[in-house]
PDB file of N, CA and C in Angstrom:
ATOM      1  N   UNK A   1     102.420 100.812 107.499  1.00  0.00           N
ATOM      2  CA  UNK A   1     101.456 101.858 107.959  1.00  0.00           C
ATOM      3  C   UNK A   1     100.137 101.262 108.237  1.00  0.00           C
ATOM      4  N   UNK A   2      99.593 101.668 109.384  1.00  0.00           N
ATOM      5  CA  UNK A   2      98.341 101.148 109.750  1.00  0.00           C
ATOM      6  C   UNK A   2      97.189 102.047 109.081  1.00  0.00           C
ATOM      7  N   UNK A   3      95.924 101.579 109.348  1.00  0.00           N
ATOM      8  CA  UNK A   3      94.870 102.200 108.640  1.00  0.00           C
ATOM      9  C   UNK A   3      94.718 103.622 109.689  1.00  0.00           C
ATOM     10  N   UNK A   4      95.016 103.529 110.819  1.00  0.00           N
ATOM     11  CA  UNK A   4      95.185 104.903 111.585  1.00  0.00           C
ATOM     12  C   UNK A   4      95.900 105.844 111.079  1.00  0.00           C
ATOM     13  N   UNK A   5      97.161 105.505 110.741  1.00  0.00           N
ATOM     14  CA  UNK A   5      98.067 106.415 110.187  1.00  0.00           C
ATOM     15  C   UNK A   5      97.710 106.965 108.913  1.00  0.00           C
ATOM     16  N   UNK A   6      97.119 106.029 107.976  1.00  0.00           N
ATOM     17  CA  UNK A   6      96.753 106.344 106.711  1.00  0.00           C
ATOM     18  C   UNK A   6      95.623 107.366 106.616  1.00  0.00           C
ATOM     19  N   UNK A   7      94.538 107.146 107.377  1.00  0.00           N
ATOM     20  CA  UNK A   7      93.419 107.960 107.431  1.00  0.00           C
ATOM     21  C   UNK A   7      93.328 108.974 108.377  1.00  0.00           C
ATOM     22  N   UNK A   8      93.961 108.928 109.550  1.00  0.00           N
ATOM     23  CA  UNK A   8      93.855 109.937 110.532  1.00  0.00           C
ATOM     24  C   UNK A   8      95.109 110.360 111.158  1.00  0.00           C
ATOM     25  N   UNK A   9      96.356 109.897 110.505  1.00  0.00           N
ATOM     26  CA  UNK A   9      97.614 110.207 111.016  1.00  0.00           C
ATOM     27  C   UNK A   9      97.916 111.715 110.944  1.00  0.00           C
ATOM     28  N   UNK A  10      97.445 112.526 110.176  1.00  0.00           N
ATOM     29  CA  UNK A  10      97.885 113.964 110.085  1.00  0.00           C
ATOM     30  C   UNK A  10      96.508 114.736 109.981  1.00  0.00           C
ATOM     31  N   UNK A  11      96.658 116.090 110.373  1.00  0.00           N
ATOM     32  CA  UNK A  11      95.382 116.845 110.354  1.00  0.00           C
ATOM     33  C   UNK A  11      94.739 116.848 108.984  1.00  0.00           C
ATOM     34  N   UNK A  12      95.530 117.050 108.002  1.00  0.00           N
ATOM     35  CA  UNK A  12      95.138 117.018 106.547  1.00  0.00           C
ATOM     36  C   UNK A  12      94.262 115.757 106.217  1.00  0.00           C
ATOM     37  N   UNK A  13      94.866 114.672 106.575  1.00  0.00           N
ATOM     38  CA  UNK A  13      94.066 113.329 106.357  1.00  0.00           C
ATOM     39  C   UNK A  13      92.779 113.283 107.192  1.00  0.00           C
ATOM     40  N   UNK A  14      93.000 113.610 108.415  1.00  0.00           N
ATOM     41  CA  UNK A  14      91.750 113.501 109.307  1.00  0.00           C
ATOM     42  C   UNK A  14      90.658 114.381 108.953  1.00  0.00           C
ATOM     43  N   UNK A  15      90.842 115.508 108.431  1.00  0.00           N
ATOM     44  CA  UNK A  15      89.827 116.386 108.001  1.00  0.00           C
ATOM     45  C   UNK A  15      88.986 115.848 106.771  1.00  0.00           C
ATOM     46  N   UNK A  16      89.585 114.928 106.060  1.00  0.00           N
ATOM     47  CA  UNK A  16      88.805 114.406 104.872  1.00  0.00           C
ATOM     48  C   UNK A  16      87.955 113.257 105.324  1.00  0.00           C
ATOM     49  N   UNK A  17      88.151 112.734 106.590  1.00  0.00           N
ATOM     50  CA  UNK A  17      87.356 111.562 106.976  1.00  0.00           C
ATOM     51  C   UNK A  17      86.034 111.885 107.665  1.00  0.00           C
ATOM     52  N   UNK A  18      84.965 110.954 107.481  1.00  0.00           N
ATOM     53  CA  UNK A  18      83.768 111.169 108.092  1.00  0.00           C
ATOM     54  C   UNK A  18      83.479 109.746 108.803  1.00  0.00           C
ATOM     55  N   UNK A  19      83.281 109.800 109.957  1.00  0.00           N
ATOM     56  CA  UNK A  19      83.024 108.636 110.926  1.00  0.00           C
ATOM     57  C   UNK A  19      81.543 108.875 111.500  1.00  0.00           C
ATOM     58  N   UNK A  20      80.667 108.064 111.187  1.00  0.00           N
ATOM     59  CA  UNK A  20      79.186 108.156 111.687  1.00  0.00           C
ATOM     60  C   UNK A  20      79.001 106.951 112.600  1.00  0.00           C
ATOM     61  N   UNK A  21      78.235 107.176 113.613  1.00  0.00           N
ATOM     62  CA  UNK A  21      77.921 106.007 114.481  1.00  0.00           C
ATOM     63  C   UNK A  21      76.312 105.976 114.576  1.00  0.00           C
ATOM     64  N   UNK A  22      75.697 104.812 114.171  1.00  0.00           N
ATOM     65  CA  UNK A  22      74.322 104.710 114.362  1.00  0.00           C
ATOM     66  C   UNK A  22      74.221 103.829 115.540  1.00  0.00           C
ATOM     67  N   UNK A  23      73.256 104.172 116.541  1.00  0.00           N
ATOM     68  CA  UNK A  23      73.344 103.560 117.777  1.00  0.00           C
ATOM     69  C   UNK A  23      72.366 102.226 117.864  1.00  0.00           C
ATOM     70  N   UNK A  24      71.250 102.091 117.067  1.00  0.00           N
ATOM     71  CA  UNK A  24      70.579 100.858 117.108  1.00  0.00           C
ATOM     72  C   UNK A  24      70.096 100.352 115.814  1.00  0.00           C
ATOM     73  N   UNK A  25      70.580  99.259 115.312  1.00  0.00           N
ATOM     74  CA  UNK A  25      71.571  98.551 115.772  1.00  0.00           C
ATOM     75  C   UNK A  25      72.998  99.279 115.561  1.00  0.00           C
ATOM     76  N   UNK A  26      73.977  98.911 116.387  1.00  0.00           N
ATOM     77  CA  UNK A  26      75.147  99.638 116.418  1.00  0.00           C
ATOM     78  C   UNK A  26      75.978  99.535 114.965  1.00  0.00           C
ATOM     79  N   UNK A  27      76.217 100.625 114.243  1.00  0.00           N
ATOM     80  CA  UNK A  27      76.907 100.535 112.967  1.00  0.00           C
ATOM     81  C   UNK A  27      77.714 101.715 112.936  1.00  0.00           C
ATOM     82  N   UNK A  28      79.173 101.403 112.646  1.00  0.00           N
ATOM     83  CA  UNK A  28      80.034 102.568 112.569  1.00  0.00           C
ATOM     84  C   UNK A  28      80.390 102.540 111.078  1.00  0.00           C
ATOM     85  N   UNK A  29      80.260 103.820 110.459  1.00  0.00           N
ATOM     86  CA  UNK A  29      80.460 103.906 108.990  1.00  0.00           C
ATOM     87  C   UNK A  29      81.639 104.930 108.822  1.00  0.00           C
ATOM     88  N   UNK A  30      82.554 104.594 108.080  1.00  0.00           N
ATOM     89  CA  UNK A  30      83.822 105.371 107.875  1.00  0.00           C
ATOM     90  C   UNK A  30      83.725 105.597 106.174  1.00  0.00           C
ATOM     91  N   UNK A  31      83.773 107.061 105.941  1.00  0.00           N
ATOM     92  CA  UNK A  31      83.783 107.552 104.555  1.00  0.00           C
ATOM     93  C   UNK A  31      84.958 108.545 104.361  1.00  0.00           C
ATOM     94  N   UNK A  32      85.612 108.445 103.207  1.00  0.00           N
ATOM     95  CA  UNK A  32      86.746 109.436 102.905  1.00  0.00           C
ATOM     96  C   UNK A  32      86.027 110.392 101.743  1.00  0.00           C
ATOM     97  N   UNK A  33      86.069 111.830 102.086  1.00  0.00           N
ATOM     98  CA  UNK A  33      85.633 112.735 101.271  1.00  0.00           C
ATOM     99  C   UNK A  33      86.573 113.100 100.232  1.00  0.00           C
ATOM    100  N   UNK A  34      86.049 113.108  98.792  1.00  0.00           N
ATOM    101  CA  UNK A  34      86.985 113.606  97.871  1.00  0.00           C
ATOM    102  C   UNK A  34      87.489 115.023  98.032  1.00  0.00           C
ATOM    103  N   UNK A  35      88.816 115.249  98.247  1.00  0.00           N
ATOM    104  CA  UNK A  35      89.310 116.572  98.461  1.00  0.00           C
ATOM    105  C   UNK A  35      89.200 117.491  97.287  1.00  0.00           C
ATOM    106  N   UNK A  36      88.820 117.147  96.178  1.00  0.00           N
ATOM    107  CA  UNK A  36      88.878 117.909  94.873  1.00  0.00           C
ATOM    108  C   UNK A  36      87.445 118.452  94.606  1.00  0.00           C
ATOM    109  N   UNK A  37      86.578 118.246  95.461  1.00  0.00           N
ATOM    110  CA  UNK A  37      85.211 118.668  95.352  1.00  0.00           C
ATOM    111  C   UNK A  37      84.881 119.611  96.441  1.00  0.00           C
ATOM    112  N   UNK A  38      83.925 120.494  96.224  1.00  0.00           N
ATOM    113  CA  UNK A  38      83.392 121.309  97.330  1.00  0.00           C
ATOM    114  C   UNK A  38      82.195 120.707  97.924  1.00  0.00           C
ATOM    115  N   UNK A  39      81.702 119.524  97.599  1.00  0.00           N
ATOM    116  CA  UNK A  39      80.466 118.799  97.993  1.00  0.00           C
ATOM    117  C   UNK A  39      80.900 117.579  98.801  1.00  0.00           C
ATOM    118  N   UNK A  40      80.273 117.408  99.971  1.00  0.00           N
ATOM    119  CA  UNK A  40      80.728 116.324 100.875  1.00  0.00           C
ATOM    120  C   UNK A  40      79.951 115.013 100.349  1.00  0.00           C
ATOM    121  N   UNK A  41      79.006 115.205  99.242  1.00  0.00           N
ATOM    122  CA  UNK A  41      78.328 113.977  98.705  1.00  0.00           C
ATOM    123  C   UNK A  41      79.259 113.153  97.776  1.00  0.00           C
ATOM    124  N   UNK A  42      80.279 113.635  97.559  1.00  0.00           N
ATOM    125  CA  UNK A  42      81.272 112.871  96.681  1.00  0.00           C
ATOM    126  C   UNK A  42      82.316 112.341  97.708  1.00  0.00           C
ATOM    127  N   UNK A  43      81.873 111.166  98.230  1.00  0.00           N
ATOM    128  CA  UNK A  43      82.744 110.456  99.221  1.00  0.00           C
ATOM    129  C   UNK A  43      83.043 108.958  98.820  1.00  0.00           C
ATOM    130  N   UNK A  44      84.007 108.277  99.287  1.00  0.00           N
ATOM    131  CA  UNK A  44      84.389 106.913  99.120  1.00  0.00           C
ATOM    132  C   UNK A  44      84.121 106.185 100.241  1.00  0.00           C
ATOM    133  N   UNK A  45      83.260 105.301 100.214  1.00  0.00           N
ATOM    134  CA  UNK A  45      82.962 104.280 101.384  1.00  0.00           C
ATOM    135  C   UNK A  45      84.225 103.459 101.748  1.00  0.00           C
ATOM    136  N   UNK A  46      84.688 103.667 103.071  1.00  0.00           N
ATOM    137  CA  UNK A  46      85.868 103.016 103.406  1.00  0.00           C
ATOM    138  C   UNK A  46      85.538 101.676 104.119  1.00  0.00           C
ATOM    139  N   UNK A  47      84.517 101.834 105.117  1.00  0.00           N
ATOM    140  CA  UNK A  47      84.206 100.641 105.816  1.00  0.00           C
ATOM    141  C   UNK A  47      83.101 100.656 106.766  1.00  0.00           C
ATOM    142  N   UNK A  48      82.522  99.673 107.130  1.00  0.00           N
ATOM    143  CA  UNK A  48      81.413  99.499 108.052  1.00  0.00           C
ATOM    144  C   UNK A  48      81.731  98.391 109.071  1.00  0.00           C
ATOM    145  N   UNK A  49      81.337  98.820 110.308  1.00  0.00           N
ATOM    146  CA  UNK A  49      81.768  97.991 111.546  1.00  0.00           C
ATOM    147  C   UNK A  49      80.636  97.769 112.422  1.00  0.00           C
ATOM    148  N   UNK A  50      80.315  96.602 112.934  1.00  0.00           N
ATOM    149  CA  UNK A  50      79.150  96.315 113.612  1.00  0.00           C
ATOM    150  C   UNK A  50      79.531  96.403 115.309  1.00  0.00           C
ATOM    151  N   UNK A  51      80.817  96.699 115.622  1.00  0.00           N
ATOM    152  CA  UNK A  51      81.135  96.729 116.896  1.00  0.00           C
ATOM    153  C   UNK A  51      82.312  97.615 117.011  1.00  0.00           C
ATOM    154  N   UNK A  52      82.528  98.110 118.369  1.00  0.00           N
ATOM    155  CA  UNK A  52      83.771  98.939 118.533  1.00  0.00           C
ATOM    156  C   UNK A  52      85.020  98.052 118.492  1.00  0.00           C
ATOM    157  N   UNK A  53      84.866  96.911 118.763  1.00  0.00           N
ATOM    158  CA  UNK A  53      86.023  95.945 118.754  1.00  0.00           C
ATOM    159  C   UNK A  53      86.442  95.920 117.334  1.00  0.00           C
ATOM    160  N   UNK A  54      85.567  95.655 116.339  1.00  0.00           N
ATOM    161  CA  UNK A  54      85.978  95.527 114.848  1.00  0.00           C
ATOM    162  C   UNK A  54      86.502  96.771 114.303  1.00  0.00           C
ATOM    163  N   UNK A  55      86.024  97.925 114.734  1.00  0.00           N
ATOM    164  CA  UNK A  55      86.640  99.267 114.435  1.00  0.00           C
ATOM    165  C   UNK A  55      87.953  99.502 114.852  1.00  0.00           C
ATOM    166  N   UNK A  56      88.149  99.234 116.167  1.00  0.00           N
ATOM    167  CA  UNK A  56      89.520  99.341 116.738  1.00  0.00           C
ATOM    168  C   UNK A  56      90.370  98.330 116.102  1.00  0.00           C
ATOM    169  N   UNK A  57      90.029  97.092 115.775  1.00  0.00           N
ATOM    170  CA  UNK A  57      90.924  96.128 114.991  1.00  0.00           C
ATOM    171  C   UNK A  57      91.189  96.621 113.720  1.00  0.00           C
ATOM    172  N   UNK A  58      90.402  97.330 113.014  1.00  0.00           N
ATOM    173  CA  UNK A  58      90.482  97.705 111.709  1.00  0.00           C
ATOM    174  C   UNK A  58      91.534  99.080 111.726  1.00  0.00           C
ATOM    175  N   UNK A  59      91.401  99.908 112.643  1.00  0.00           N
ATOM    176  CA  UNK A  59      92.189 101.065 112.989  1.00  0.00           C
ATOM    177  C   UNK A  59      93.760 100.638 113.091  1.00  0.00           C
ATOM    178  N   UNK A  60      93.969  99.505 113.959  1.00  0.00           N
ATOM    179  CA  UNK A  60      95.283  98.994 114.157  1.00  0.00           C
ATOM    180  C   UNK A  60      95.888  98.126 113.169  1.00  0.00           C
ATOM    181  N   UNK A  61      94.991  97.659 112.173  1.00  0.00           N
ATOM    182  CA  UNK A  61      95.457  96.825 111.173  1.00  0.00           C
ATOM    183  C   UNK A  61      96.324  97.393 110.167  1.00  0.00           C
ATOM    184  N   UNK A  62      97.097  96.687 109.403  1.00  0.00           N
ATOM    185  CA  UNK A  62      97.958  97.211 108.297  1.00  0.00           C
ATOM    186  C   UNK A  62      97.168  97.717 107.271  1.00  0.00           C
ATOM    187  N   UNK A  63      97.365  98.789 106.562  1.00  0.00           N
ATOM    188  CA  UNK A  63      96.689  99.435 105.506  1.00  0.00           C
ATOM    189  C   UNK A  63      96.980  98.561 104.262  1.00  0.00           C
ATOM    190  N   UNK A  64      95.866  98.207 103.543  1.00  0.00           N
ATOM    191  CA  UNK A  64      96.039  97.314 102.256  1.00  0.00           C
ATOM    192  C   UNK A  64      95.525  98.149 101.098  1.00  0.00           C
ATOM    193  N   UNK A  65      96.529  98.631 100.306  1.00  0.00           N
ATOM    194  CA  UNK A  65      96.111  99.480  99.142  1.00  0.00           C
ATOM    195  C   UNK A  65      95.715  98.597  97.783  1.00  0.00           C
ATOM    196  N   UNK A  66      95.875  97.252  98.066  1.00  0.00           N
ATOM    197  CA  UNK A  66      95.498  96.407  97.096  1.00  0.00           C
ATOM    198  C   UNK A  66      96.612  95.937  96.102  1.00  0.00           C
ATOM    199  N   UNK A  67      97.844  96.378  96.359  1.00  0.00           N
ATOM    200  CA  UNK A  67      98.914  95.975  95.545  1.00  0.00           C
ATOM    201  C   UNK A  67      99.739  94.727  96.045  1.00  0.00           C
ATOM    202  N   UNK A  68      99.253  94.312  97.241  1.00  0.00           N
ATOM    203  CA  UNK A  68      99.908  93.112  97.686  1.00  0.00           C
ATOM    204  C   UNK A  68      99.133  91.866  97.185  1.00  0.00           C
ATOM    205  N   UNK A  69      99.710  90.892  96.651  1.00  0.00           N
ATOM    206  CA  UNK A  69      99.066  89.733  95.998  1.00  0.00           C
ATOM    207  C   UNK A  69      99.828  88.570  96.759  1.00  0.00           C
ATOM    208  N   UNK A  70      98.862  87.640  97.267  1.00  0.00           N
ATOM    209  CA  UNK A  70      99.311  86.430  97.896  1.00  0.00           C
ATOM    210  C   UNK A  70      99.354  85.251  96.977  1.00  0.00           C
ATOM    211  N   UNK A  71     100.441  84.532  96.889  1.00  0.00           N
ATOM    212  CA  UNK A  71     100.414  83.258  96.063  1.00  0.00           C
ATOM    213  C   UNK A  71      99.712  82.090  96.687  1.00  0.00           C
ATOM    214  N   UNK A  72      98.926  81.402  95.978  1.00  0.00           N
ATOM    215  CA  UNK A  72      98.156  80.445  96.604  1.00  0.00           C
ATOM    216  C   UNK A  72      98.754  79.187  96.282  1.00  0.00           C
TER     217      UNK A  72
END
């Protein structure tokens, strides 16, 4: 599952997401609003990206929920 599928793949998932773009300096901020509150101030920071290329790479990357551990 990619980050796109996880966060934007269905209408229900997409309506929980907030994507803001500041133009100078360029900064793209992605937040996920807690669906169990009525207030948009309760959100979880998902990521910050300094370019459109970084944001696109993150969207197409594999979703990591923290359960995968790499042996060193």
